[in-house]
Amino acid sequence: MGRFIYEGGVKVEVDDRALTHLQLVISAKLRRGEPFAFSWRDDASVGGGRTTVWVHPGSSIVYKYYGGRQPTINRAWVDALAFTANARTGLYLVPEPPEPGGEPASSELPG
């Protein structure tokens, strides 16, 4: 289980595999200078509800991974997450779709 930390204060626990895919989408948006909203449901252990942060090129973001292995990348999942990030509602975690055509997932991160 990894952790997304925003501006040194707001934190959310996210599975390492999901966090890797979120990082790819967030990094691509910020590289292009595109601000966006990122929302998630809060766990009942922290009071439940929903949190939304405004992510912009000046944001301080930390991705903390607890696993030691780099997960394989599912391009279909990256595309699905990017679709939400480009919508009015902003980025939110969607379930991982199967790879189209049964192709194996790539283990390399795009440069």
PDB file of N, CA and C in Angstrom:
ATOM      1  N   MET A   1       0.854  -1.172   0.000  1.00  0.00           N
ATOM      2  CA  MET A   1       0.000   0.000   0.000  1.00  0.00           C
ATOM      3  C   MET A   1       0.898   1.231   0.000  1.00  0.00           C
ATOM      4  N   GLY A   2       0.740   2.085  -1.003  1.00  0.00           N
ATOM      5  CA  GLY A   2       1.519   3.310  -1.099  1.00  0.00           C
ATOM      6  C   GLY A   2       0.753   4.492  -0.538  1.00  0.00           C
ATOM      7  N   ARG A   3       1.327   5.659  -0.715  1.00  0.00           N
ATOM      8  CA  ARG A   3       0.695   6.857  -0.179  1.00  0.00           C
ATOM      9  C   ARG A   3       0.917   8.023  -1.142  1.00  0.00           C
ATOM     10  N   PHE A   4      -0.157   8.767  -1.419  1.00  0.00           N
ATOM     11  CA  PHE A   4      -0.110  10.012  -2.179  1.00  0.00           C
ATOM     12  C   PHE A   4      -0.167  11.130  -1.149  1.00  0.00           C
ATOM     13  N   ILE A   5       0.845  12.010  -1.168  1.00  0.00           N
ATOM     14  CA  ILE A   5       0.911  13.103  -0.202  1.00  0.00           C
ATOM     15  C   ILE A   5       0.906  14.411  -0.984  1.00  0.00           C
ATOM     16  N   TYR A   6      -0.059  15.271  -0.676  1.00  0.00           N
ATOM     17  CA  TYR A   6      -0.228  16.536  -1.395  1.00  0.00           C
ATOM     18  C   TYR A   6       0.080  17.703  -0.471  1.00  0.00           C
ATOM     19  N   GLU A   7       0.954  18.581  -0.920  1.00  0.00           N
ATOM     20  CA  GLU A   7       1.318  19.799  -0.195  1.00  0.00           C
ATOM     21  C   GLU A   7       1.734  19.525   1.249  1.00  0.00           C
ATOM     22  N   GLY A   8       2.329  18.357   1.491  1.00  0.00           N
ATOM     23  CA  GLY A   8       2.852  18.025   2.809  1.00  0.00           C
ATOM     24  C   GLY A   8       1.819  17.706   3.869  1.00  0.00           C
ATOM     25  N   GLY A   9       0.534  17.789   3.541  1.00  0.00           N
ATOM     26  CA  GLY A   9      -0.475  17.563   4.564  1.00  0.00           C
ATOM     27  C   GLY A   9      -1.520  16.540   4.193  1.00  0.00           C
ATOM     28  N   VAL A  10      -2.159  16.697   3.068  1.00  0.00           N
ATOM     29  CA  VAL A  10      -3.228  15.790   2.649  1.00  0.00           C
ATOM     30  C   VAL A  10      -2.598  14.483   2.185  1.00  0.00           C
ATOM     31  N   LYS A  11      -3.061  13.369   2.768  1.00  0.00           N
ATOM     32  CA  LYS A  11      -2.499  12.053   2.455  1.00  0.00           C
ATOM     33  C   LYS A  11      -3.621  11.063   2.203  1.00  0.00           C
ATOM     34  N   VAL A  12      -3.358  10.144   1.284  1.00  0.00           N
ATOM     35  CA  VAL A  12      -4.315   9.061   1.057  1.00  0.00           C
ATOM     36  C   VAL A  12      -3.523   7.787   0.749  1.00  0.00           C
ATOM     37  N   GLU A  13      -3.960   6.687   1.331  1.00  0.00           N
ATOM     38  CA  GLU A  13      -3.347   5.383   1.069  1.00  0.00           C
ATOM     39  C   GLU A  13      -3.893   4.847  -0.248  1.00  0.00           C
ATOM     40  N   VAL A  14      -2.989   4.392  -1.117  1.00  0.00           N
ATOM     41  CA  VAL A  14      -3.358   3.859  -2.427  1.00  0.00           C
ATOM     42  C   VAL A  14      -2.479   2.644  -2.701  1.00  0.00           C
ATOM     43  N   ASP A  15      -3.051   1.606  -3.252  1.00  0.00           N
ATOM     44  CA  ASP A  15      -2.296   0.431  -3.653  1.00  0.00           C
ATOM     45  C   ASP A  15      -1.118   0.864  -4.536  1.00  0.00           C
ATOM     46  N   ASP A  16       0.060   0.269  -4.348  1.00  0.00           N
ATOM     47  CA  ASP A  16       1.248   0.643  -5.126  1.00  0.00           C
ATOM     48  C   ASP A  16       0.993   0.592  -6.633  1.00  0.00           C
ATOM     49  N   ARG A  17       0.294  -0.434  -7.084  1.00  0.00           N
ATOM     50  CA  ARG A  17       0.031  -0.570  -8.526  1.00  0.00           C
ATOM     51  C   ARG A  17      -0.825   0.591  -9.022  1.00  0.00           C
ATOM     52  N   ALA A  18      -1.883   0.912  -8.298  1.00  0.00           N
ATOM     53  CA  ALA A  18      -2.750   2.025  -8.676  1.00  0.00           C
ATOM     54  C   ALA A  18      -1.987   3.343  -8.592  1.00  0.00           C
ATOM     55  N   LEU A  19      -1.155   3.503  -7.553  1.00  0.00           N
ATOM     56  CA  LEU A  19      -0.392   4.738  -7.385  1.00  0.00           C
ATOM     57  C   LEU A  19       0.574   4.959  -8.543  1.00  0.00           C
ATOM     58  N   THR A  20       1.177   3.897  -9.042  1.00  0.00           N
ATOM     59  CA  THR A  20       2.071   4.010 -10.202  1.00  0.00           C
ATOM     60  C   THR A  20       1.317   4.550 -11.410  1.00  0.00           C
ATOM     61  N   HIS A  21       0.116   4.042 -11.638  1.00  0.00           N
ATOM     62  CA  HIS A  21      -0.684   4.489 -12.781  1.00  0.00           C
ATOM     63  C   HIS A  21      -1.155   5.932 -12.587  1.00  0.00           C
ATOM     64  N   LEU A  22      -1.541   6.285 -11.370  1.00  0.00           N
ATOM     65  CA  LEU A  22      -1.922   7.670 -11.090  1.00  0.00           C
ATOM     66  C   LEU A  22      -0.729   8.604 -11.318  1.00  0.00           C
ATOM     67  N   GLN A  23       0.453   8.188 -10.883  1.00  0.00           N
ATOM     68  CA  GLN A  23       1.642   9.013 -11.056  1.00  0.00           C
ATOM     69  C   GLN A  23       1.926   9.287 -12.530  1.00  0.00           C
ATOM     70  N   LEU A  24       1.750   8.292 -13.369  1.00  0.00           N
ATOM     71  CA  LEU A  24       1.970   8.482 -14.806  1.00  0.00           C
ATOM     72  C   LEU A  24       1.028   9.547 -15.375  1.00  0.00           C
ATOM     73  N   VAL A  25      -0.235   9.476 -14.998  1.00  0.00           N
ATOM     74  CA  VAL A  25      -1.233  10.416 -15.508  1.00  0.00           C
ATOM     75  C   VAL A  25      -0.984  11.821 -14.938  1.00  0.00           C
ATOM     76  N   ILE A  26      -0.745  11.902 -13.638  1.00  0.00           N
ATOM     77  CA  ILE A  26      -0.509  13.198 -13.004  1.00  0.00           C
ATOM     78  C   ILE A  26       0.740  13.854 -13.595  1.00  0.00           C
ATOM     79  N   SER A  27       1.803  13.084 -13.748  1.00  0.00           N
ATOM     80  CA  SER A  27       3.050  13.628 -14.301  1.00  0.00           C
ATOM     81  C   SER A  27       2.857  14.134 -15.728  1.00  0.00           C
ATOM     82  N   ALA A  28       2.108  13.399 -16.532  1.00  0.00           N
ATOM     83  CA  ALA A  28       1.863  13.824 -17.918  1.00  0.00           C
ATOM     84  C   ALA A  28       1.085  15.136 -17.951  1.00  0.00           C
ATOM     85  N   LYS A  29       0.067  15.250 -17.116  1.00  0.00           N
ATOM     86  CA  LYS A  29      -0.726  16.484 -17.076  1.00  0.00           C
ATOM     87  C   LYS A  29       0.146  17.667 -16.640  1.00  0.00           C
ATOM     88  N   LEU A  30       0.939  17.475 -15.603  1.00  0.00           N
ATOM     89  CA  LEU A  30       1.756  18.568 -15.089  1.00  0.00           C
ATOM     90  C   LEU A  30       2.876  18.937 -16.059  1.00  0.00           C
ATOM     91  N   ARG A  31       3.426  17.951 -16.755  1.00  0.00           N
ATOM     92  CA  ARG A  31       4.458  18.219 -17.759  1.00  0.00           C
ATOM     93  C   ARG A  31       3.920  19.148 -18.847  1.00  0.00           C
ATOM     94  N   ARG A  32       2.631  19.013 -19.146  1.00  0.00           N
ATOM     95  CA  ARG A  32       1.995  19.867 -20.160  1.00  0.00           C
ATOM     96  C   ARG A  32       1.463  21.169 -19.558  1.00  0.00           C
ATOM     97  N   GLY A  33       1.655  21.366 -18.262  1.00  0.00           N
ATOM     98  CA  GLY A  33       1.190  22.585 -17.597  1.00  0.00           C
ATOM     99  C   GLY A  33      -0.311  22.650 -17.429  1.00  0.00           C
ATOM    100  N   GLU A  34      -0.970  21.488 -17.324  1.00  0.00           N
ATOM    101  CA  GLU A  34      -2.424  21.422 -17.223  1.00  0.00           C
ATOM    102  C   GLU A  34      -2.878  21.158 -15.793  1.00  0.00           C
ATOM    103  N   PRO A  35      -3.441  22.151 -15.111  1.00  0.00           N
ATOM    104  CA  PRO A  35      -3.974  21.911 -13.766  1.00  0.00           C
ATOM    105  C   PRO A  35      -5.278  21.107 -13.852  1.00  0.00           C
ATOM    106  N   PHE A  36      -5.613  20.414 -12.760  1.00  0.00           N
ATOM    107  CA  PHE A  36      -6.817  19.580 -12.740  1.00  0.00           C
ATOM    108  C   PHE A  36      -7.167  19.248 -11.303  1.00  0.00           C
ATOM    109  N   ALA A  37      -8.395  18.796 -11.090  1.00  0.00           N
ATOM    110  CA  ALA A  37      -8.835  18.326  -9.779  1.00  0.00           C
ATOM    111  C   ALA A  37      -8.551  16.828  -9.669  1.00  0.00           C
ATOM    112  N   PHE A  38      -8.196  16.389  -8.481  1.00  0.00           N
ATOM    113  CA  PHE A  38      -7.993  14.968  -8.184  1.00  0.00           C
ATOM    114  C   PHE A  38      -8.821  14.653  -6.948  1.00  0.00           C
ATOM    115  N   SER A  39      -9.739  13.691  -7.067  1.00  0.00           N
ATOM    116  CA  SER A  39     -10.656  13.343  -5.975  1.00  0.00           C
ATOM    117  C   SER A  39     -10.541  11.876  -5.603  1.00  0.00           C
ATOM    118  N   TRP A  40     -10.821  11.589  -4.337  1.00  0.00           N
ATOM    119  CA  TRP A  40     -10.885  10.208  -3.864  1.00  0.00           C
ATOM    120  C   TRP A  40     -11.830  10.117  -2.679  1.00  0.00           C
ATOM    121  N   ARG A  41     -12.301   8.897  -2.432  1.00  0.00           N
ATOM    122  CA  ARG A  41     -13.149   8.632  -1.267  1.00  0.00           C
ATOM    123  C   ARG A  41     -12.233   8.348  -0.080  1.00  0.00           C
ATOM    124  N   ASP A  42     -12.554   8.969   1.039  1.00  0.00           N
ATOM    125  CA  ASP A  42     -11.771   8.755   2.252  1.00  0.00           C
ATOM    126  C   ASP A  42     -12.252   7.506   2.972  1.00  0.00           C
ATOM    127  N   ASP A  43     -11.316   6.802   3.553  1.00  0.00           N
ATOM    128  CA  ASP A  43     -11.622   5.596   4.313  1.00  0.00           C
ATOM    129  C   ASP A  43     -12.430   5.946   5.564  1.00  0.00           C
ATOM    130  N   ALA A  44     -13.283   5.036   5.976  1.00  0.00           N
ATOM    131  CA  ALA A  44     -14.097   5.254   7.172  1.00  0.00           C
ATOM    132  C   ALA A  44     -13.235   5.479   8.408  1.00  0.00           C
ATOM    133  N   SER A  45     -12.012   4.934   8.410  1.00  0.00           N
ATOM    134  CA  SER A  45     -11.121   5.096   9.565  1.00  0.00           C
ATOM    135  C   SER A  45     -10.674   6.542   9.765  1.00  0.00           C
ATOM    136  N   VAL A  46     -10.796   7.361   8.710  1.00  0.00           N
ATOM    137  CA  VAL A  46     -10.446   8.784   8.823  1.00  0.00           C
ATOM    138  C   VAL A  46     -11.684   9.669   8.708  1.00  0.00           C
ATOM    139  N   GLY A  47     -12.845   9.072   8.912  1.00  0.00           N
ATOM    140  CA  GLY A  47     -14.075   9.845   8.929  1.00  0.00           C
ATOM    141  C   GLY A  47     -14.931   9.733   7.689  1.00  0.00           C
ATOM    142  N   GLY A  48     -14.458   9.016   6.676  1.00  0.00           N
ATOM    143  CA  GLY A  48     -15.233   8.848   5.455  1.00  0.00           C
ATOM    144  C   GLY A  48     -15.291  10.128   4.647  1.00  0.00           C
ATOM    145  N   GLY A  49     -16.221  10.188   3.729  1.00  0.00           N
ATOM    146  CA  GLY A  49     -16.376  11.362   2.888  1.00  0.00           C
ATOM    147  C   GLY A  49     -15.524  11.298   1.634  1.00  0.00           C
ATOM    148  N   ARG A  50     -15.243  12.476   1.094  1.00  0.00           N
ATOM    149  CA  ARG A  50     -14.500  12.582  -0.155  1.00  0.00           C
ATOM    150  C   ARG A  50     -13.563  13.771  -0.036  1.00  0.00           C
ATOM    151  N   THR A  51     -12.389  13.662  -0.649  1.00  0.00           N
ATOM    152  CA  THR A  51     -11.420  14.749  -0.680  1.00  0.00           C
ATOM    153  C   THR A  51     -11.106  15.083  -2.131  1.00  0.00           C
ATOM    154  N   THR A  52     -10.999  16.368  -2.433  1.00  0.00           N
ATOM    155  CA  THR A  52     -10.578  16.835  -3.744  1.00  0.00           C
ATOM    156  C   THR A  52      -9.465  17.853  -3.544  1.00  0.00           C
ATOM    157  N   VAL A  53      -8.386  17.701  -4.312  1.00  0.00           N
ATOM    158  CA  VAL A  53      -7.301  18.673  -4.300  1.00  0.00           C
ATOM    159  C   VAL A  53      -7.144  19.233  -5.707  1.00  0.00           C
ATOM    160  N   TRP A  54      -6.697  20.486  -5.807  1.00  0.00           N
ATOM    161  CA  TRP A  54      -6.421  21.128  -7.091  1.00  0.00           C
ATOM    162  C   TRP A  54      -4.940  20.950  -7.365  1.00  0.00           C
ATOM    163  N   VAL A  55      -4.625  20.169  -8.382  1.00  0.00           N
ATOM    164  CA  VAL A  55      -3.240  19.861  -8.723  1.00  0.00           C
ATOM    165  C   VAL A  55      -2.803  20.800  -9.846  1.00  0.00           C
ATOM    166  N   HIS A  56      -1.661  21.454  -9.645  1.00  0.00           N
ATOM    167  CA  HIS A  56      -1.145  22.409 -10.622  1.00  0.00           C
ATOM    168  C   HIS A  56       0.372  22.243 -10.696  1.00  0.00           C
ATOM    169  N   PRO A  57       1.016  22.821 -11.720  1.00  0.00           N
ATOM    170  CA  PRO A  57       2.459  22.615 -11.887  1.00  0.00           C
ATOM    171  C   PRO A  57       3.309  23.003 -10.679  1.00  0.00           C
ATOM    172  N   GLY A  58       2.837  23.868  -9.808  1.00  0.00           N
ATOM    173  CA  GLY A  58       3.594  24.248  -8.616  1.00  0.00           C
ATOM    174  C   GLY A  58       3.286  23.395  -7.395  1.00  0.00           C
ATOM    175  N   SER A  59       2.438  22.395  -7.537  1.00  0.00           N
ATOM    176  CA  SER A  59       2.053  21.534  -6.411  1.00  0.00           C
ATOM    177  C   SER A  59       3.240  20.741  -5.884  1.00  0.00           C
ATOM    178  N   SER A  60       3.244  20.529  -4.578  1.00  0.00           N
ATOM    179  CA  SER A  60       4.231  19.666  -3.939  1.00  0.00           C
ATOM    180  C   SER A  60       3.570  18.298  -3.746  1.00  0.00           C
ATOM    181  N   ILE A  61       4.052  17.306  -4.488  1.00  0.00           N
ATOM    182  CA  ILE A  61       3.451  15.968  -4.453  1.00  0.00           C
ATOM    183  C   ILE A  61       4.532  14.948  -4.134  1.00  0.00           C
ATOM    184  N   VAL A  62       4.208  14.017  -3.246  1.00  0.00           N
ATOM    185  CA  VAL A  62       5.103  12.909  -2.920  1.00  0.00           C
ATOM    186  C   VAL A  62       4.333  11.619  -3.180  1.00  0.00           C
ATOM    187  N   TYR A  63       4.985  10.685  -3.869  1.00  0.00           N
ATOM    188  CA  TYR A  63       4.443   9.342  -4.075  1.00  0.00           C
ATOM    189  C   TYR A  63       5.312   8.416  -3.236  1.00  0.00           C
ATOM    190  N   LYS A  64       4.765   7.837  -2.197  1.00  0.00           N
ATOM    191  CA  LYS A  64       5.516   6.949  -1.311  1.00  0.00           C
ATOM    192  C   LYS A  64       5.077   5.520  -1.586  1.00  0.00           C
ATOM    193  N   TYR A  65       6.022   4.710  -2.067  1.00  0.00           N
ATOM    194  CA  TYR A  65       5.747   3.306  -2.365  1.00  0.00           C
ATOM    195  C   TYR A  65       6.325   2.437  -1.262  1.00  0.00           C
ATOM    196  N   TYR A  66       5.568   1.436  -0.824  1.00  0.00           N
ATOM    197  CA  TYR A  66       6.047   0.540   0.211  1.00  0.00           C
ATOM    198  C   TYR A  66       6.586  -0.758  -0.366  1.00  0.00           C
ATOM    199  N   GLY A  67       6.187  -1.093  -1.565  1.00  0.00           N
ATOM    200  CA  GLY A  67       6.712  -2.281  -2.227  1.00  0.00           C
ATOM    201  C   GLY A  67       8.025  -1.955  -2.927  1.00  0.00           C
ATOM    202  N   GLY A  68       8.846  -2.954  -3.128  1.00  0.00           N
ATOM    203  CA  GLY A  68      10.141  -2.747  -3.757  1.00  0.00           C
ATOM    204  C   GLY A  68      10.160  -2.990  -5.250  1.00  0.00           C
ATOM    205  N   ARG A  69       9.107  -3.574  -5.791  1.00  0.00           N
ATOM    206  CA  ARG A  69       9.092  -3.927  -7.221  1.00  0.00           C
ATOM    207  C   ARG A  69       8.269  -2.915  -8.013  1.00  0.00           C
ATOM    208  N   GLN A  70       8.758  -2.580  -9.199  1.00  0.00           N
ATOM    209  CA  GLN A  70       8.031  -1.703 -10.107  1.00  0.00           C
ATOM    210  C   GLN A  70       6.925  -2.518 -10.783  1.00  0.00           C
ATOM    211  N   PRO A  71       5.650  -2.119 -10.633  1.00  0.00           N
ATOM    212  CA  PRO A  71       4.574  -2.882 -11.272  1.00  0.00           C
ATOM    213  C   PRO A  71       4.589  -2.718 -12.795  1.00  0.00           C
ATOM    214  N   THR A  72       4.026  -3.707 -13.479  1.00  0.00           N
ATOM    215  CA  THR A  72       3.863  -3.575 -14.919  1.00  0.00           C
ATOM    216  C   THR A  72       2.805  -2.504 -15.197  1.00  0.00           C
ATOM    217  N   ILE A  73       2.906  -1.897 -16.356  1.00  0.00           N
ATOM    218  CA  ILE A  73       1.994  -0.810 -16.718  1.00  0.00           C
ATOM    219  C   ILE A  73       0.912  -1.333 -17.654  1.00  0.00           C
ATOM    220  N   ASN A  74      -0.327  -1.043 -17.303  1.00  0.00           N
ATOM    221  CA  ASN A  74      -1.487  -1.379 -18.117  1.00  0.00           C
ATOM    222  C   ASN A  74      -1.884  -0.097 -18.854  1.00  0.00           C
ATOM    223  N   ARG A  75      -1.568  -0.031 -20.149  1.00  0.00           N
ATOM    224  CA  ARG A  75      -1.829   1.179 -20.945  1.00  0.00           C
ATOM    225  C   ARG A  75      -3.320   1.512 -20.974  1.00  0.00           C
ATOM    226  N   ALA A  76      -4.160   0.492 -20.949  1.00  0.00           N
ATOM    227  CA  ALA A  76      -5.610   0.742 -20.954  1.00  0.00           C
ATOM    228  C   ALA A  76      -6.019   1.471 -19.673  1.00  0.00           C
ATOM    229  N   TRP A  77      -5.384   1.150 -18.558  1.00  0.00           N
ATOM    230  CA  TRP A  77      -5.699   1.813 -17.291  1.00  0.00           C
ATOM    231  C   TRP A  77      -5.194   3.254 -17.304  1.00  0.00           C
ATOM    232  N   VAL A  78      -3.992   3.455 -17.825  1.00  0.00           N
ATOM    233  CA  VAL A  78      -3.462   4.820 -17.955  1.00  0.00           C
ATOM    234  C   VAL A  78      -4.420   5.651 -18.806  1.00  0.00           C
ATOM    235  N   ASP A  79      -4.882   5.098 -19.912  1.00  0.00           N
ATOM    236  CA  ASP A  79      -5.818   5.819 -20.791  1.00  0.00           C
ATOM    237  C   ASP A  79      -7.133   6.125 -20.077  1.00  0.00           C
ATOM    238  N   ALA A  80      -7.649   5.161 -19.315  1.00  0.00           N
ATOM    239  CA  ALA A  80      -8.914   5.366 -18.594  1.00  0.00           C
ATOM    240  C   ALA A  80      -8.759   6.454 -17.529  1.00  0.00           C
ATOM    241  N   LEU A  81      -7.637   6.450 -16.821  1.00  0.00           N
ATOM    242  CA  LEU A  81      -7.386   7.487 -15.815  1.00  0.00           C
ATOM    243  C   LEU A  81      -7.200   8.850 -16.471  1.00  0.00           C
ATOM    244  N   ALA A  82      -6.493   8.887 -17.591  1.00  0.00           N
ATOM    245  CA  ALA A  82      -6.285  10.145 -18.310  1.00  0.00           C
ATOM    246  C   ALA A  82      -7.619  10.710 -18.801  1.00  0.00           C
ATOM    247  N   PHE A  83      -8.521   9.833 -19.198  1.00  0.00           N
ATOM    248  CA  PHE A  83      -9.842  10.278 -19.633  1.00  0.00           C
ATOM    249  C   PHE A  83     -10.546  11.022 -18.510  1.00  0.00           C
ATOM    250  N   THR A  84     -10.492  10.475 -17.280  1.00  0.00           N
ATOM    251  CA  THR A  84     -11.146  11.163 -16.160  1.00  0.00           C
ATOM    252  C   THR A  84     -10.443  12.478 -15.855  1.00  0.00           C
ATOM    253  N   ALA A  85      -9.111  12.488 -15.930  1.00  0.00           N
ATOM    254  CA  ALA A  85      -8.342  13.705 -15.630  1.00  0.00           C
ATOM    255  C   ALA A  85      -8.664  14.830 -16.598  1.00  0.00           C
ATOM    256  N   ASN A  86      -9.054  14.483 -17.813  1.00  0.00           N
ATOM    257  CA  ASN A  86      -9.374  15.491 -18.835  1.00  0.00           C
ATOM    258  C   ASN A  86     -10.843  15.893 -18.827  1.00  0.00           C
ATOM    259  N   ALA A  87     -11.648  15.247 -17.992  1.00  0.00           N
ATOM    260  CA  ALA A  87     -13.075  15.572 -17.907  1.00  0.00           C
ATOM    261  C   ALA A  87     -13.303  16.677 -16.872  1.00  0.00           C
ATOM    262  N   ARG A  88     -14.477  17.256 -16.880  1.00  0.00           N
ATOM    263  CA  ARG A  88     -14.819  18.321 -15.915  1.00  0.00           C
ATOM    264  C   ARG A  88     -14.727  17.857 -14.473  1.00  0.00           C
ATOM    265  N   THR A  89     -15.002  16.593 -14.227  1.00  0.00           N
ATOM    266  CA  THR A  89     -14.975  16.070 -12.852  1.00  0.00           C
ATOM    267  C   THR A  89     -13.558  15.908 -12.322  1.00  0.00           C
ATOM    268  N   GLY A  90     -12.567  15.819 -13.184  1.00  0.00           N
ATOM    269  CA  GLY A  90     -11.185  15.656 -12.769  1.00  0.00           C
ATOM    270  C   GLY A  90     -10.814  14.202 -12.542  1.00  0.00           C
ATOM    271  N   LEU A  91      -9.564  14.005 -12.191  1.00  0.00           N
ATOM    272  CA  LEU A  91      -9.002  12.668 -12.005  1.00  0.00           C
ATOM    273  C   LEU A  91      -9.602  11.971 -10.791  1.00  0.00           C
ATOM    274  N   TYR A  92      -9.939  10.716 -10.974  1.00  0.00           N
ATOM    275  CA  TYR A  92     -10.334   9.851  -9.870  1.00  0.00           C
ATOM    276  C   TYR A  92      -9.980   8.426 -10.266  1.00  0.00           C
ATOM    277  N   LEU A  93      -9.773   7.580  -9.276  1.00  0.00           N
ATOM    278  CA  LEU A  93      -9.355   6.207  -9.517  1.00  0.00           C
ATOM    279  C   LEU A  93     -10.518   5.383 -10.048  1.00  0.00           C
ATOM    280  N   VAL A  94     -10.297   4.753 -11.193  1.00  0.00           N
ATOM    281  CA  VAL A  94     -11.286   3.853 -11.791  1.00  0.00           C
ATOM    282  C   VAL A  94     -10.713   2.432 -11.719  1.00  0.00           C
ATOM    283  N   PRO A  95     -11.574   1.420 -11.757  1.00  0.00           N
ATOM    284  CA  PRO A  95     -11.075   0.040 -11.711  1.00  0.00           C
ATOM    285  C   PRO A  95     -10.156  -0.256 -12.896  1.00  0.00           C
ATOM    286  N   GLU A  96      -9.196  -1.124 -12.676  1.00  0.00           N
ATOM    287  CA  GLU A  96      -8.260  -1.485 -13.738  1.00  0.00           C
ATOM    288  C   GLU A  96      -8.956  -2.324 -14.799  1.00  0.00           C
ATOM    289  N   PRO A  97      -8.945  -1.863 -16.050  1.00  0.00           N
ATOM    290  CA  PRO A  97      -9.540  -2.649 -17.135  1.00  0.00           C
ATOM    291  C   PRO A  97      -8.549  -3.704 -17.624  1.00  0.00           C
ATOM    292  N   PRO A  98      -9.045  -4.736 -18.308  1.00  0.00           N
ATOM    293  CA  PRO A  98      -8.114  -5.710 -18.890  1.00  0.00           C
ATOM    294  C   PRO A  98      -7.346  -5.055 -20.042  1.00  0.00           C
ATOM    295  N   GLU A  99      -6.163  -5.575 -20.315  1.00  0.00           N
ATOM    296  CA  GLU A  99      -5.387  -5.095 -21.457  1.00  0.00           C
ATOM    297  C   GLU A  99      -6.140  -5.460 -22.734  1.00  0.00           C
ATOM    298  N   PRO A 100      -6.253  -4.522 -23.694  1.00  0.00           N
ATOM    299  CA  PRO A 100      -6.937  -4.853 -24.947  1.00  0.00           C
ATOM    300  C   PRO A 100      -6.184  -5.930 -25.721  1.00  0.00           C
ATOM    301  N   GLY A 101      -6.918  -6.874 -26.277  1.00  0.00           N
ATOM    302  CA  GLY A 101      -6.320  -7.920 -27.098  1.00  0.00           C
ATOM    303  C   GLY A 101      -5.496  -8.925 -26.316  1.00  0.00           C
ATOM    304  N   GLY A 102      -5.558  -8.864 -24.996  1.00  0.00           N
ATOM    305  CA  GLY A 102      -4.815  -9.821 -24.193  1.00  0.00           C
ATOM    306  C   GLY A 102      -3.311  -9.631 -24.259  1.00  0.00           C
ATOM    307  N   GLU A 103      -2.863  -8.463 -24.721  1.00  0.00           N
ATOM    308  CA  GLU A 103      -1.425  -8.214 -24.807  1.00  0.00           C
ATOM    309  C   GLU A 103      -0.845  -8.106 -23.403  1.00  0.00           C
ATOM    310  N   PRO A 104       0.368  -8.586 -23.213  1.00  0.00           N
ATOM    311  CA  PRO A 104       0.977  -8.444 -21.894  1.00  0.00           C
ATOM    312  C   PRO A 104       1.254  -6.989 -21.583  1.00  0.00           C
ATOM    313  N   ALA A 105       1.172  -6.641 -20.313  1.00  0.00           N
ATOM    314  CA  ALA A 105       1.430  -5.268 -19.884  1.00  0.00           C
ATOM    315  C   ALA A 105       2.922  -4.966 -20.014  1.00  0.00           C
ATOM    316  N   SER A 106       3.244  -3.739 -20.323  1.00  0.00           N
ATOM    317  CA  SER A 106       4.619  -3.311 -20.426  1.00  0.00           C
ATOM    318  C   SER A 106       5.192  -3.090 -19.035  1.00  0.00           C
ATOM    319  N   SER A 107       6.441  -3.469 -18.833  1.00  0.00           N
ATOM    320  CA  SER A 107       7.071  -3.256 -17.529  1.00  0.00           C
ATOM    321  C   SER A 107       7.882  -1.974 -17.506  1.00  0.00           C
ATOM    322  N   GLU A 108       7.907  -1.237 -18.614  1.00  0.00           N
ATOM    323  CA  GLU A 108       8.682  -0.008 -18.670  1.00  0.00           C
ATOM    324  C   GLU A 108       7.787   1.199 -18.523  1.00  0.00           C
ATOM    325  N   LEU A 109       8.283   2.191 -17.814  1.00  0.00           N
ATOM    326  CA  LEU A 109       7.567   3.445 -17.699  1.00  0.00           C
ATOM    327  C   LEU A 109       7.875   4.290 -18.916  1.00  0.00           C
ATOM    328  N   PRO A 110       6.880   4.979 -19.465  1.00  0.00           N
ATOM    329  CA  PRO A 110       7.151   5.842 -20.610  1.00  0.00           C
ATOM    330  C   PRO A 110       8.067   6.994 -20.200  1.00  0.00           C
ATOM    331  N   GLY A 111       8.922   7.423 -21.115  1.00  0.00           N
ATOM    332  CA  GLY A 111       9.867   8.498 -20.811  1.00  0.00           C
ATOM    333  C   GLY A 111       9.380   9.788 -21.140  1.00  0.00           C
TER     334      GLY A 111
END
